[in-house]
Amino acid sequence: MRLDKFLKVSRLIKRRTLAKEVADQGRITINGAVAKASSTVRVGDELTIQFGQKKLTVKVTDLKETTKKEEAANLYEVIREERIDAGTEE
């Protein structure tokens, strides 16, 4: 499944166009490699997404073409959620 579609279906990012923009800016990695919107996502992959001051790392647990809002969180498992403080190195 394409990365931008997975992000929309899983509701990690609400719109597919926004998911594409974030990927095009180099703010998403799959298993440590910078990913494009068209990159393929597989079960077991580790995605890291940078949202402004937050970095979210999730593991893909399931792939579905569509899902209900209540079931969207079942498509991934949160591994890490970090806050990125501007101007400081961790």
PDB file of N, CA and C in Angstrom:
ATOM      1  N   MET A   1       0.848  -1.181   0.000  1.00  0.00           N
ATOM      2  CA  MET A   1       0.000   0.000   0.000  1.00  0.00           C
ATOM      3  C   MET A   1       0.891   1.241   0.000  1.00  0.00           C
ATOM      4  N   ARG A   2       0.485   2.257  -0.730  1.00  0.00           N
ATOM      5  CA  ARG A   2       1.241   3.511  -0.767  1.00  0.00           C
ATOM      6  C   ARG A   2       1.267   4.173   0.609  1.00  0.00           C
ATOM      7  N   LEU A   3       2.363   4.838   0.908  1.00  0.00           N
ATOM      8  CA  LEU A   3       2.528   5.518   2.190  1.00  0.00           C
ATOM      9  C   LEU A   3       1.441   6.557   2.422  1.00  0.00           C
ATOM     10  N   ASP A   4       1.176   7.414   1.435  1.00  0.00           N
ATOM     11  CA  ASP A   4       0.178   8.471   1.638  1.00  0.00           C
ATOM     12  C   ASP A   4      -1.213   7.890   1.916  1.00  0.00           C
ATOM     13  N   LYS A   5      -1.549   6.787   1.250  1.00  0.00           N
ATOM     14  CA  LYS A   5      -2.850   6.155   1.494  1.00  0.00           C
ATOM     15  C   LYS A   5      -2.910   5.530   2.884  1.00  0.00           C
ATOM     16  N   PHE A   6      -1.821   4.867   3.312  1.00  0.00           N
ATOM     17  CA  PHE A   6      -1.803   4.272   4.645  1.00  0.00           C
ATOM     18  C   PHE A   6      -1.983   5.343   5.718  1.00  0.00           C
ATOM     19  N   LEU A   7      -1.292   6.458   5.577  1.00  0.00           N
ATOM     20  CA  LEU A   7      -1.393   7.528   6.578  1.00  0.00           C
ATOM     21  C   LEU A   7      -2.813   8.067   6.675  1.00  0.00           C
ATOM     22  N   LYS A   8      -3.510   8.150   5.537  1.00  0.00           N
ATOM     23  CA  LYS A   8      -4.894   8.624   5.548  1.00  0.00           C
ATOM     24  C   LYS A   8      -5.830   7.577   6.156  1.00  0.00           C
ATOM     25  N   VAL A   9      -5.718   6.329   5.704  1.00  0.00           N
ATOM     26  CA  VAL A   9      -6.616   5.261   6.193  1.00  0.00           C
ATOM     27  C   VAL A   9      -6.419   5.046   7.700  1.00  0.00           C
ATOM     28  N   SER A  10      -5.168   5.109   8.163  1.00  0.00           N
ATOM     29  CA  SER A  10      -4.882   4.900   9.592  1.00  0.00           C
ATOM     30  C   SER A  10      -5.194   6.145  10.417  1.00  0.00           C
ATOM     31  N   ARG A  11      -5.464   7.250   9.728  1.00  0.00           N
ATOM     32  CA  ARG A  11      -5.772   8.538  10.344  1.00  0.00           C
ATOM     33  C   ARG A  11      -4.599   9.117  11.141  1.00  0.00           C
ATOM     34  N   LEU A  12      -3.382   8.698  10.807  1.00  0.00           N
ATOM     35  CA  LEU A  12      -2.200   9.346  11.390  1.00  0.00           C
ATOM     36  C   LEU A  12      -2.098  10.764  10.828  1.00  0.00           C
ATOM     37  N   ILE A  13      -2.488  10.919   9.551  1.00  0.00           N
ATOM     38  CA  ILE A  13      -2.617  12.220   8.907  1.00  0.00           C
ATOM     39  C   ILE A  13      -3.988  12.216   8.232  1.00  0.00           C
ATOM     40  N   LYS A  14      -4.759  13.264   8.464  1.00  0.00           N
ATOM     41  CA  LYS A  14      -6.169  13.253   8.063  1.00  0.00           C
ATOM     42  C   LYS A  14      -6.431  13.248   6.550  1.00  0.00           C
ATOM     43  N   ARG A  15      -5.594  13.943   5.778  1.00  0.00           N
ATOM     44  CA  ARG A  15      -5.846  14.018   4.342  1.00  0.00           C
ATOM     45  C   ARG A  15      -4.661  13.467   3.556  1.00  0.00           C
ATOM     46  N   ARG A  16      -4.950  12.810   2.451  1.00  0.00           N
ATOM     47  CA  ARG A  16      -3.899  12.206   1.627  1.00  0.00           C
ATOM     48  C   ARG A  16      -2.990  13.271   1.014  1.00  0.00           C
ATOM     49  N   THR A  17      -3.562  14.411   0.636  1.00  0.00           N
ATOM     50  CA  THR A  17      -2.733  15.481   0.061  1.00  0.00           C
ATOM     51  C   THR A  17      -1.754  16.018   1.101  1.00  0.00           C
ATOM     52  N   LEU A  18      -2.191  16.119   2.338  1.00  0.00           N
ATOM     53  CA  LEU A  18      -1.309  16.570   3.420  1.00  0.00           C
ATOM     54  C   LEU A  18      -0.211  15.525   3.672  1.00  0.00           C
ATOM     55  N   ALA A  19      -0.575  14.245   3.632  1.00  0.00           N
ATOM     56  CA  ALA A  19       0.404  13.164   3.812  1.00  0.00           C
ATOM     57  C   ALA A  19       1.468  13.241   2.716  1.00  0.00           C
ATOM     58  N   LYS A  20       1.042  13.550   1.488  1.00  0.00           N
ATOM     59  CA  LYS A  20       1.984  13.683   0.371  1.00  0.00           C
ATOM     60  C   LYS A  20       2.935  14.852   0.605  1.00  0.00           C
ATOM     61  N   GLU A  21       2.397  15.987   1.063  1.00  0.00           N
ATOM     62  CA  GLU A  21       3.232  17.162   1.328  1.00  0.00           C
ATOM     63  C   GLU A  21       4.280  16.867   2.407  1.00  0.00           C
ATOM     64  N   VAL A  22       3.859  16.223   3.494  1.00  0.00           N
ATOM     65  CA  VAL A  22       4.776  15.898   4.593  1.00  0.00           C
ATOM     66  C   VAL A  22       5.878  14.961   4.093  1.00  0.00           C
ATOM     67  N   ALA A  23       5.510  13.967   3.288  1.00  0.00           N
ATOM     68  CA  ALA A  23       6.500  13.039   2.733  1.00  0.00           C
ATOM     69  C   ALA A  23       7.461  13.759   1.785  1.00  0.00           C
ATOM     70  N   ASP A  24       6.932  14.654   0.953  1.00  0.00           N
ATOM     71  CA  ASP A  24       7.763  15.389  -0.002  1.00  0.00           C
ATOM     72  C   ASP A  24       8.763  16.305   0.705  1.00  0.00           C
ATOM     73  N   GLN A  25       8.454  16.693   1.936  1.00  0.00           N
ATOM     74  CA  GLN A  25       9.360  17.539   2.714  1.00  0.00           C
ATOM     75  C   GLN A  25      10.428  16.714   3.430  1.00  0.00           C
ATOM     76  N   GLY A  26      10.402  15.386   3.264  1.00  0.00           N
ATOM     77  CA  GLY A  26      11.404  14.521   3.885  1.00  0.00           C
ATOM     78  C   GLY A  26      11.200  14.312   5.370  1.00  0.00           C
ATOM     79  N   ARG A  27       9.962  14.457   5.850  1.00  0.00           N
ATOM     80  CA  ARG A  27       9.680  14.343   7.287  1.00  0.00           C
ATOM     81  C   ARG A  27       9.151  12.969   7.693  1.00  0.00           C
ATOM     82  N   ILE A  28       9.177  12.002   6.757  1.00  0.00           N
ATOM     83  CA  ILE A  28       8.720  10.644   7.067  1.00  0.00           C
ATOM     84  C   ILE A  28       9.809   9.659   6.653  1.00  0.00           C
ATOM     85  N   THR A  29      10.084   8.683   7.542  1.00  0.00           N
ATOM     86  CA  THR A  29      11.014   7.613   7.186  1.00  0.00           C
ATOM     87  C   THR A  29      10.322   6.267   7.361  1.00  0.00           C
ATOM     88  N   ILE A  30      10.723   5.316   6.530  1.00  0.00           N
ATOM     89  CA  ILE A  30      10.262   3.929   6.659  1.00  0.00           C
ATOM     90  C   ILE A  30      11.509   3.111   6.946  1.00  0.00           C
ATOM     91  N   ASN A  31      11.543   2.478   8.097  1.00  0.00           N
ATOM     92  CA  ASN A  31      12.695   1.670   8.529  1.00  0.00           C
ATOM     93  C   ASN A  31      14.002   2.460   8.414  1.00  0.00           C
ATOM     94  N   GLY A  32      13.952   3.744   8.758  1.00  0.00           N
ATOM     95  CA  GLY A  32      15.150   4.575   8.776  1.00  0.00           C
ATOM     96  C   GLY A  32      15.495   5.267   7.476  1.00  0.00           C
ATOM     97  N   ALA A  33      14.820   4.936   6.373  1.00  0.00           N
ATOM     98  CA  ALA A  33      15.109   5.558   5.077  1.00  0.00           C
ATOM     99  C   ALA A  33      14.035   6.597   4.757  1.00  0.00           C
ATOM    100  N   VAL A  34      14.451   7.759   4.271  1.00  0.00           N
ATOM    101  CA  VAL A  34      13.493   8.810   3.915  1.00  0.00           C
ATOM    102  C   VAL A  34      12.533   8.263   2.860  1.00  0.00           C
ATOM    103  N   ALA A  35      11.242   8.495   3.086  1.00  0.00           N
ATOM    104  CA  ALA A  35      10.207   7.904   2.231  1.00  0.00           C
ATOM    105  C   ALA A  35       9.506   8.960   1.391  1.00  0.00           C
ATOM    106  N   LYS A  36       9.072   8.553   0.205  1.00  0.00           N
ATOM    107  CA  LYS A  36       8.232   9.386  -0.663  1.00  0.00           C
ATOM    108  C   LYS A  36       6.777   8.963  -0.445  1.00  0.00           C
ATOM    109  N   ALA A  37       5.850   9.788  -0.897  1.00  0.00           N
ATOM    110  CA  ALA A  37       4.422   9.477  -0.768  1.00  0.00           C
ATOM    111  C   ALA A  37       4.072   8.166  -1.463  1.00  0.00           C
ATOM    112  N   SER A  38       4.815   7.838  -2.531  1.00  0.00           N
ATOM    113  CA  SER A  38       4.525   6.630  -3.300  1.00  0.00           C
ATOM    114  C   SER A  38       5.234   5.391  -2.758  1.00  0.00           C
ATOM    115  N   SER A  39       6.035   5.540  -1.684  1.00  0.00           N
ATOM    116  CA  SER A  39       6.746   4.393  -1.111  1.00  0.00           C
ATOM    117  C   SER A  39       5.759   3.334  -0.644  1.00  0.00           C
ATOM    118  N   THR A  40       6.165   2.074  -0.735  1.00  0.00           N
ATOM    119  CA  THR A  40       5.299   0.971  -0.325  1.00  0.00           C
ATOM    120  C   THR A  40       5.451   0.700   1.167  1.00  0.00           C
ATOM    121  N   VAL A  41       4.307   0.571   1.848  1.00  0.00           N
ATOM    122  CA  VAL A  41       4.278   0.256   3.275  1.00  0.00           C
ATOM    123  C   VAL A  41       3.845  -1.194   3.424  1.00  0.00           C
ATOM    124  N   ARG A  42       4.559  -1.936   4.265  1.00  0.00           N
ATOM    125  CA  ARG A  42       4.227  -3.348   4.519  1.00  0.00           C
ATOM    126  C   ARG A  42       4.037  -3.566   6.016  1.00  0.00           C
ATOM    127  N   VAL A  43       3.330  -4.628   6.372  1.00  0.00           N
ATOM    128  CA  VAL A  43       3.162  -4.979   7.780  1.00  0.00           C
ATOM    129  C   VAL A  43       4.544  -5.227   8.370  1.00  0.00           C
ATOM    130  N   GLY A  44       4.799  -4.663   9.540  1.00  0.00           N
ATOM    131  CA  GLY A  44       6.099  -4.813  10.194  1.00  0.00           C
ATOM    132  C   GLY A  44       7.017  -3.624   9.995  1.00  0.00           C
ATOM    133  N   ASP A  45       6.697  -2.750   9.032  1.00  0.00           N
ATOM    134  CA  ASP A  45       7.524  -1.564   8.793  1.00  0.00           C
ATOM    135  C   ASP A  45       7.419  -0.592   9.966  1.00  0.00           C
ATOM    136  N   GLU A  46       8.502   0.147  10.203  1.00  0.00           N
ATOM    137  CA  GLU A  46       8.529   1.163  11.248  1.00  0.00           C
ATOM    138  C   GLU A  46       8.531   2.533  10.573  1.00  0.00           C
ATOM    139  N   LEU A  47       7.509   3.322  10.863  1.00  0.00           N
ATOM    140  CA  LEU A  47       7.393   4.658  10.280  1.00  0.00           C
ATOM    141  C   LEU A  47       7.717   5.700  11.339  1.00  0.00           C
ATOM    142  N   THR A  48       8.495   6.701  10.974  1.00  0.00           N
ATOM    143  CA  THR A  48       8.750   7.831  11.854  1.00  0.00           C
ATOM    144  C   THR A  48       8.262   9.077  11.127  1.00  0.00           C
ATOM    145  N   ILE A  49       7.372   9.815  11.789  1.00  0.00           N
ATOM    146  CA  ILE A  49       6.769  11.001  11.193  1.00  0.00           C
ATOM    147  C   ILE A  49       7.070  12.197  12.085  1.00  0.00           C
ATOM    148  N   GLN A  50       7.559  13.276  11.475  1.00  0.00           N
ATOM    149  CA  GLN A  50       7.835  14.487  12.246  1.00  0.00           C
ATOM    150  C   GLN A  50       6.722  15.489  12.007  1.00  0.00           C
ATOM    151  N   PHE A  51       5.988  15.800  13.096  1.00  0.00           N
ATOM    152  CA  PHE A  51       4.920  16.808  13.071  1.00  0.00           C
ATOM    153  C   PHE A  51       5.439  18.006  13.861  1.00  0.00           C
ATOM    154  N   GLY A  52       5.903  19.039  13.231  1.00  0.00           N
ATOM    155  CA  GLY A  52       6.351  20.232  13.955  1.00  0.00           C
ATOM    156  C   GLY A  52       7.291  19.897  15.101  1.00  0.00           C
ATOM    157  N   GLN A  53       6.814  20.038  16.342  1.00  0.00           N
ATOM    158  CA  GLN A  53       7.646  19.797  17.529  1.00  0.00           C
ATOM    159  C   GLN A  53       7.513  18.371  18.067  1.00  0.00           C
ATOM    160  N   LYS A  54       6.884  17.479  17.320  1.00  0.00           N
ATOM    161  CA  LYS A  54       6.671  16.107  17.789  1.00  0.00           C
ATOM    162  C   LYS A  54       7.163  15.113  16.749  1.00  0.00           C
ATOM    163  N   LYS A  55       7.783  14.050  17.239  1.00  0.00           N
ATOM    164  CA  LYS A  55       8.221  12.970  16.351  1.00  0.00           C
ATOM    165  C   LYS A  55       7.529  11.693  16.828  1.00  0.00           C
ATOM    166  N   LEU A  56       6.801  11.052  15.921  1.00  0.00           N
ATOM    167  CA  LEU A  56       6.028   9.854  16.256  1.00  0.00           C
ATOM    168  C   LEU A  56       6.590   8.660  15.494  1.00  0.00           C
ATOM    169  N   THR A  57       6.889   7.574  16.219  1.00  0.00           N
ATOM    170  CA  THR A  57       7.359   6.345  15.589  1.00  0.00           C
ATOM    171  C   THR A  57       6.315   5.262  15.827  1.00  0.00           C
ATOM    172  N   VAL A  58       5.851   4.640  14.737  1.00  0.00           N
ATOM    173  CA  VAL A  58       4.836   3.598  14.831  1.00  0.00           C
ATOM    174  C   VAL A  58       5.274   2.369  14.039  1.00  0.00           C
ATOM    175  N   LYS A  59       4.735   1.208  14.427  1.00  0.00           N
ATOM    176  CA  LYS A  59       4.967  -0.031  13.693  1.00  0.00           C
ATOM    177  C   LYS A  59       3.658  -0.411  13.015  1.00  0.00           C
ATOM    178  N   VAL A  60       3.726  -0.699  11.718  1.00  0.00           N
ATOM    179  CA  VAL A  60       2.536  -1.070  10.945  1.00  0.00           C
ATOM    180  C   VAL A  60       2.136  -2.487  11.341  1.00  0.00           C
ATOM    181  N   THR A  61       0.893  -2.658  11.818  1.00  0.00           N
ATOM    182  CA  THR A  61       0.433  -3.975  12.257  1.00  0.00           C
ATOM    183  C   THR A  61      -0.595  -4.585  11.302  1.00  0.00           C
ATOM    184  N   ASP A  62      -1.213  -3.756  10.447  1.00  0.00           N
ATOM    185  CA  ASP A  62      -2.233  -4.266   9.529  1.00  0.00           C
ATOM    186  C   ASP A  62      -2.399  -3.274   8.378  1.00  0.00           C
ATOM    187  N   LEU A  63      -2.845  -3.762   7.233  1.00  0.00           N
ATOM    188  CA  LEU A  63      -3.116  -2.910   6.076  1.00  0.00           C
ATOM    189  C   LEU A  63      -4.538  -3.165   5.610  1.00  0.00           C
ATOM    190  N   LYS A  64      -5.318  -2.099   5.457  1.00  0.00           N
ATOM    191  CA  LYS A  64      -6.684  -2.214   4.942  1.00  0.00           C
ATOM    192  C   LYS A  64      -6.930  -1.072   3.992  1.00  0.00           C
ATOM    193  N   GLU A  65      -7.748  -1.330   2.970  1.00  0.00           N
ATOM    194  CA  GLU A  65      -8.075  -0.296   1.992  1.00  0.00           C
ATOM    195  C   GLU A  65      -8.924   0.805   2.625  1.00  0.00           C
ATOM    196  N   THR A  66      -9.840   0.404   3.499  1.00  0.00           N
ATOM    197  CA  THR A  66     -10.677   1.369   4.217  1.00  0.00           C
ATOM    198  C   THR A  66     -10.864   0.860   5.640  1.00  0.00           C
ATOM    199  N   THR A  67     -11.178   1.763   6.537  1.00  0.00           N
ATOM    200  CA  THR A  67     -11.420   1.365   7.919  1.00  0.00           C
ATOM    201  C   THR A  67     -12.314   2.393   8.593  1.00  0.00           C
ATOM    202  N   LYS A  68     -13.029   1.953   9.617  1.00  0.00           N
ATOM    203  CA  LYS A  68     -13.857   2.867  10.389  1.00  0.00           C
ATOM    204  C   LYS A  68     -12.958   3.658  11.327  1.00  0.00           C
ATOM    205  N   LYS A  69     -13.422   4.831  11.701  1.00  0.00           N
ATOM    206  CA  LYS A  69     -12.636   5.715  12.569  1.00  0.00           C
ATOM    207  C   LYS A  69     -12.194   5.006  13.852  1.00  0.00           C
ATOM    208  N   GLU A  70     -13.099   4.237  14.446  1.00  0.00           N
ATOM    209  CA  GLU A  70     -12.806   3.554  15.710  1.00  0.00           C
ATOM    210  C   GLU A  70     -11.740   2.467  15.550  1.00  0.00           C
ATOM    211  N   GLU A  71     -11.621   1.917  14.343  1.00  0.00           N
ATOM    212  CA  GLU A  71     -10.681   0.814  14.108  1.00  0.00           C
ATOM    213  C   GLU A  71      -9.352   1.270  13.516  1.00  0.00           C
ATOM    214  N   ALA A  72      -9.238   2.544  13.180  1.00  0.00           N
ATOM    215  CA  ALA A  72      -8.035   3.056  12.501  1.00  0.00           C
ATOM    216  C   ALA A  72      -6.772   2.826  13.335  1.00  0.00           C
ATOM    217  N   ALA A  73      -6.856   2.980  14.647  1.00  0.00           N
ATOM    218  CA  ALA A  73      -5.685   2.823  15.525  1.00  0.00           C
ATOM    219  C   ALA A  73      -5.198   1.373  15.568  1.00  0.00           C
ATOM    220  N   ASN A  74      -6.009   0.416  15.100  1.00  0.00           N
ATOM    221  CA  ASN A  74      -5.597  -0.988  15.086  1.00  0.00           C
ATOM    222  C   ASN A  74      -4.617  -1.290  13.953  1.00  0.00           C
ATOM    223  N   LEU A  75      -4.402  -0.342  13.047  1.00  0.00           N
ATOM    224  CA  LEU A  75      -3.504  -0.555  11.914  1.00  0.00           C
ATOM    225  C   LEU A  75      -2.044  -0.310  12.278  1.00  0.00           C
ATOM    226  N   TYR A  76      -1.811   0.275  13.450  1.00  0.00           N
ATOM    227  CA  TYR A  76      -0.437   0.561  13.870  1.00  0.00           C
ATOM    228  C   TYR A  76      -0.315   0.497  15.386  1.00  0.00           C
ATOM    229  N   GLU A  77       0.933   0.405  15.837  1.00  0.00           N
ATOM    230  CA  GLU A  77       1.237   0.374  17.270  1.00  0.00           C
ATOM    231  C   GLU A  77       2.276   1.468  17.518  1.00  0.00           C
ATOM    232  N   VAL A  78       1.992   2.357  18.465  1.00  0.00           N
ATOM    233  CA  VAL A  78       2.914   3.458  18.762  1.00  0.00           C
ATOM    234  C   VAL A  78       4.121   2.904  19.514  1.00  0.00           C
ATOM    235  N   ILE A  79       5.312   3.163  18.991  1.00  0.00           N
ATOM    236  CA  ILE A  79       6.547   2.711  19.626  1.00  0.00           C
ATOM    237  C   ILE A  79       7.127   3.832  20.487  1.00  0.00           C
ATOM    238  N   ARG A  80       7.224   5.034  19.894  1.00  0.00           N
ATOM    239  CA  ARG A  80       7.787   6.184  20.601  1.00  0.00           C
ATOM    240  C   ARG A  80       7.049   7.446  20.199  1.00  0.00           C
ATOM    241  N   GLU A  81       6.958   8.370  21.141  1.00  0.00           N
ATOM    242  CA  GLU A  81       6.428   9.689  20.858  1.00  0.00           C
ATOM    243  C   GLU A  81       7.351  10.662  21.569  1.00  0.00           C
ATOM    244  N   GLU A  82       8.086  11.458  20.790  1.00  0.00           N
ATOM    245  CA  GLU A  82       9.074  12.366  21.379  1.00  0.00           C
ATOM    246  C   GLU A  82       8.719  13.805  21.066  1.00  0.00           C
ATOM    247  N   ARG A  83       9.020  14.670  22.003  1.00  0.00           N
ATOM    248  CA  ARG A  83       8.903  16.113  21.780  1.00  0.00           C
ATOM    249  C   ARG A  83      10.250  16.627  21.330  1.00  0.00           C
ATOM    250  N   ILE A  84      10.240  17.463  20.322  1.00  0.00           N
ATOM    251  CA  ILE A  84      11.478  18.045  19.821  1.00  0.00           C
ATOM    252  C   ILE A  84      11.495  19.499  20.253  1.00  0.00           C
ATOM    253  N   ASP A  85      12.439  19.859  21.116  1.00  0.00           N
ATOM    254  CA  ASP A  85      12.545  21.241  21.564  1.00  0.00           C
ATOM    255  C   ASP A  85      13.394  22.014  20.569  1.00  0.00           C
ATOM    256  N   ALA A  86      12.856  23.086  20.059  1.00  0.00           N
ATOM    257  CA  ALA A  86      13.573  23.898  19.074  1.00  0.00           C
ATOM    258  C   ALA A  86      14.822  24.494  19.709  1.00  0.00           C
ATOM    259  N   GLY A  87      15.950  24.326  18.998  1.00  0.00           N
ATOM    260  CA  GLY A  87      17.191  24.936  19.454  1.00  0.00           C
ATOM    261  C   GLY A  87      18.008  24.112  20.426  1.00  0.00           C
ATOM    262  N   THR A  88      17.519  22.961  20.868  1.00  0.00           N
ATOM    263  CA  THR A  88      18.295  22.132  21.781  1.00  0.00           C
ATOM    264  C   THR A  88      18.542  20.764  21.148  1.00  0.00           C
ATOM    265  N   GLU A  89      19.682  20.230  21.412  1.00  0.00           N
ATOM    266  CA  GLU A  89      20.036  18.892  20.909  1.00  0.00           C
ATOM    267  C   GLU A  89      19.864  17.876  22.030  1.00  0.00           C
ATOM    268  N   GLU A  90      19.326  16.730  21.665  1.00  0.00           N
ATOM    269  CA  GLU A  90      19.154  15.674  22.685  1.00  0.00           C
ATOM    270  C   GLU A  90      20.202  14.614  22.524  1.00  0.00           C
TER     271      GLU A  90
END
